[in-house]
Amino acid sequence: MKRVLAALGIVTLLGFVGCSQQNREVDPTPEKLDGTPSMEFEADDIERAENASDAVAEYCAGAVSEAQEVGCLSHVDESDIP
């Protein structure tokens, strides 16, 4: 039981460390599934995403794709967060 609790503690600690070192740099030239360049992100969306507040970044942390994350970070404002 002590080993399980110790393991859970380590996993939790690593999770917090990973979250605090979040890199918000967005790839300005994402690729499509076939490897060809995609220009789906607008420059102002990338800039807003990179400058999103910590609260907005935390709110958007559950994004399942880069496109969803950029959309969330660039269009959600702190006033939108419940």
C-alpha atoms as a PDB file:
ATOM      1  CA  MET A   1       0.000   0.000   0.000  1.00  0.00           C
ATOM      2  CA  LYS A   2       2.872   2.365   0.827  1.00  0.00           C
ATOM      3  CA  ARG A   3       4.390   1.730  -2.612  1.00  0.00           C
ATOM      4  CA  VAL A   4       1.120   2.593  -4.316  1.00  0.00           C
ATOM      5  CA  LEU A   5       0.788   5.847  -2.364  1.00  0.00           C
ATOM      6  CA  ALA A   6       4.429   6.729  -3.064  1.00  0.00           C
ATOM      7  CA  ALA A   7       3.935   6.065  -6.772  1.00  0.00           C
ATOM      8  CA  LEU A   8       0.796   8.198  -6.847  1.00  0.00           C
ATOM      9  CA  GLY A   9       2.658  10.997  -5.096  1.00  0.00           C
ATOM     10  CA  ILE A  10       5.476  10.895  -7.641  1.00  0.00           C
ATOM     11  CA  VAL A  11       3.084  10.834 -10.589  1.00  0.00           C
ATOM     12  CA  THR A  12       1.158  13.785  -9.161  1.00  0.00           C
ATOM     13  CA  LEU A  13       4.359  15.748  -8.560  1.00  0.00           C
ATOM     14  CA  LEU A  14       5.579  15.091 -12.099  1.00  0.00           C
ATOM     15  CA  GLY A  15       2.216  16.210 -13.439  1.00  0.00           C
ATOM     16  CA  PHE A  16       2.482  19.527 -11.632  1.00  0.00           C
ATOM     17  CA  VAL A  17       6.062  20.057 -12.792  1.00  0.00           C
ATOM     18  CA  GLY A  18       5.075  19.326 -16.382  1.00  0.00           C
ATOM     19  CA  CYS A  19       2.164  21.761 -16.229  1.00  0.00           C
ATOM     20  CA  SER A  20       4.272  24.582 -14.846  1.00  0.00           C
ATOM     21  CA  GLN A  21       6.765  24.281 -17.688  1.00  0.00           C
ATOM     22  CA  GLN A  22       4.191  24.514 -20.455  1.00  0.00           C
ATOM     23  CA  ASN A  23       5.602  25.692 -23.768  1.00  0.00           C
ATOM     24  CA  ARG A  24       3.141  27.957 -25.533  1.00  0.00           C
ATOM     25  CA  GLU A  25       5.053  28.284 -28.776  1.00  0.00           C
ATOM     26  CA  VAL A  26       2.783  27.399 -31.678  1.00  0.00           C
ATOM     27  CA  ASP A  27       4.158  25.917 -34.884  1.00  0.00           C
ATOM     28  CA  PRO A  28       3.381  28.617 -37.487  1.00  0.00           C
ATOM     29  CA  THR A  29       3.538  26.082 -40.325  1.00  0.00           C
ATOM     30  CA  PRO A  30       1.645  22.983 -39.194  1.00  0.00           C
ATOM     31  CA  GLU A  31       1.474  19.960 -41.453  1.00  0.00           C
ATOM     32  CA  LYS A  32      -1.524  18.072 -42.747  1.00  0.00           C
ATOM     33  CA  LEU A  33      -1.749  14.315 -42.197  1.00  0.00           C
ATOM     34  CA  ASP A  34      -0.141  13.718 -45.589  1.00  0.00           C
ATOM     35  CA  GLY A  35       2.892  15.866 -44.633  1.00  0.00           C
ATOM     36  CA  THR A  36       2.084  18.843 -46.852  1.00  0.00           C
ATOM     37  CA  PRO A  37       2.267  22.301 -45.257  1.00  0.00           C
ATOM     38  CA  SER A  38      -0.925  23.786 -43.890  1.00  0.00           C
ATOM     39  CA  MET A  39      -1.506  27.484 -43.387  1.00  0.00           C
ATOM     40  CA  GLU A  40      -4.608  27.002 -41.255  1.00  0.00           C
ATOM     41  CA  PHE A  41      -3.530  29.344 -38.433  1.00  0.00           C
ATOM     42  CA  GLU A  42      -3.786  33.087 -38.909  1.00  0.00           C
ATOM     43  CA  ALA A  43      -0.787  35.088 -37.663  1.00  0.00           C
ATOM     44  CA  ASP A  44      -2.923  37.066 -35.196  1.00  0.00           C
ATOM     45  CA  ASP A  45      -4.401  33.813 -33.811  1.00  0.00           C
ATOM     46  CA  ILE A  46      -0.893  32.462 -33.227  1.00  0.00           C
ATOM     47  CA  GLU A  47       0.152  35.683 -31.502  1.00  0.00           C
ATOM     48  CA  ARG A  48      -2.936  35.688 -29.244  1.00  0.00           C
ATOM     49  CA  ALA A  49      -2.386  31.999 -28.404  1.00  0.00           C
ATOM     50  CA  GLU A  50       1.258  32.564 -27.483  1.00  0.00           C
ATOM     51  CA  ASN A  51       0.297  35.515 -25.263  1.00  0.00           C
ATOM     52  CA  ALA A  52      -2.639  33.821 -23.522  1.00  0.00           C
ATOM     53  CA  SER A  53      -2.796  34.227 -19.758  1.00  0.00           C
ATOM     54  CA  ASP A  54      -2.022  31.351 -17.406  1.00  0.00           C
ATOM     55  CA  ALA A  55      -5.724  31.094 -16.499  1.00  0.00           C
ATOM     56  CA  VAL A  56      -6.715  30.740 -20.161  1.00  0.00           C
ATOM     57  CA  ALA A  57      -3.908  28.213 -20.752  1.00  0.00           C
ATOM     58  CA  GLU A  58      -5.133  26.149 -17.807  1.00  0.00           C
ATOM     59  CA  TYR A  59      -8.705  26.305 -19.123  1.00  0.00           C
ATOM     60  CA  CYS A  60      -7.554  25.139 -22.578  1.00  0.00           C
ATOM     61  CA  ALA A  61      -5.261  22.397 -21.249  1.00  0.00           C
ATOM     62  CA  GLY A  62      -7.717  19.667 -22.219  1.00  0.00           C
ATOM     63  CA  ALA A  63      -7.450  20.366 -25.949  1.00  0.00           C
ATOM     64  CA  VAL A  64      -7.018  17.172 -27.947  1.00  0.00           C
ATOM     65  CA  SER A  65      -5.264  18.727 -30.956  1.00  0.00           C
ATOM     66  CA  GLU A  66      -3.054  21.694 -31.744  1.00  0.00           C
ATOM     67  CA  ALA A  67      -5.859  23.252 -33.784  1.00  0.00           C
ATOM     68  CA  GLN A  68      -8.264  22.981 -30.860  1.00  0.00           C
ATOM     69  CA  GLU A  69      -5.638  24.373 -28.480  1.00  0.00           C
ATOM     70  CA  VAL A  70      -4.804  27.352 -30.728  1.00  0.00           C
ATOM     71  CA  GLY A  71      -8.498  28.051 -31.246  1.00  0.00           C
ATOM     72  CA  CYS A  72      -9.136  27.966 -27.514  1.00  0.00           C
ATOM     73  CA  LEU A  73      -6.072  30.000 -26.525  1.00  0.00           C
ATOM     74  CA  SER A  74      -6.708  32.644 -29.176  1.00  0.00           C
ATOM     75  CA  HIS A  75     -10.449  33.078 -28.676  1.00  0.00           C
ATOM     76  CA  VAL A  76     -11.098  32.505 -24.970  1.00  0.00           C
ATOM     77  CA  ASP A  77     -10.798  35.486 -22.669  1.00  0.00           C
ATOM     78  CA  GLU A  78     -10.506  35.309 -18.869  1.00  0.00           C
ATOM     79  CA  SER A  79     -14.037  36.729 -18.675  1.00  0.00           C
ATOM     80  CA  ASP A  80     -15.289  33.602 -20.496  1.00  0.00           C
ATOM     81  CA  ILE A  81     -13.933  31.241 -17.830  1.00  0.00           C
ATOM     82  CA  PRO A  82     -16.536  30.179 -15.252  1.00  0.00           C
END
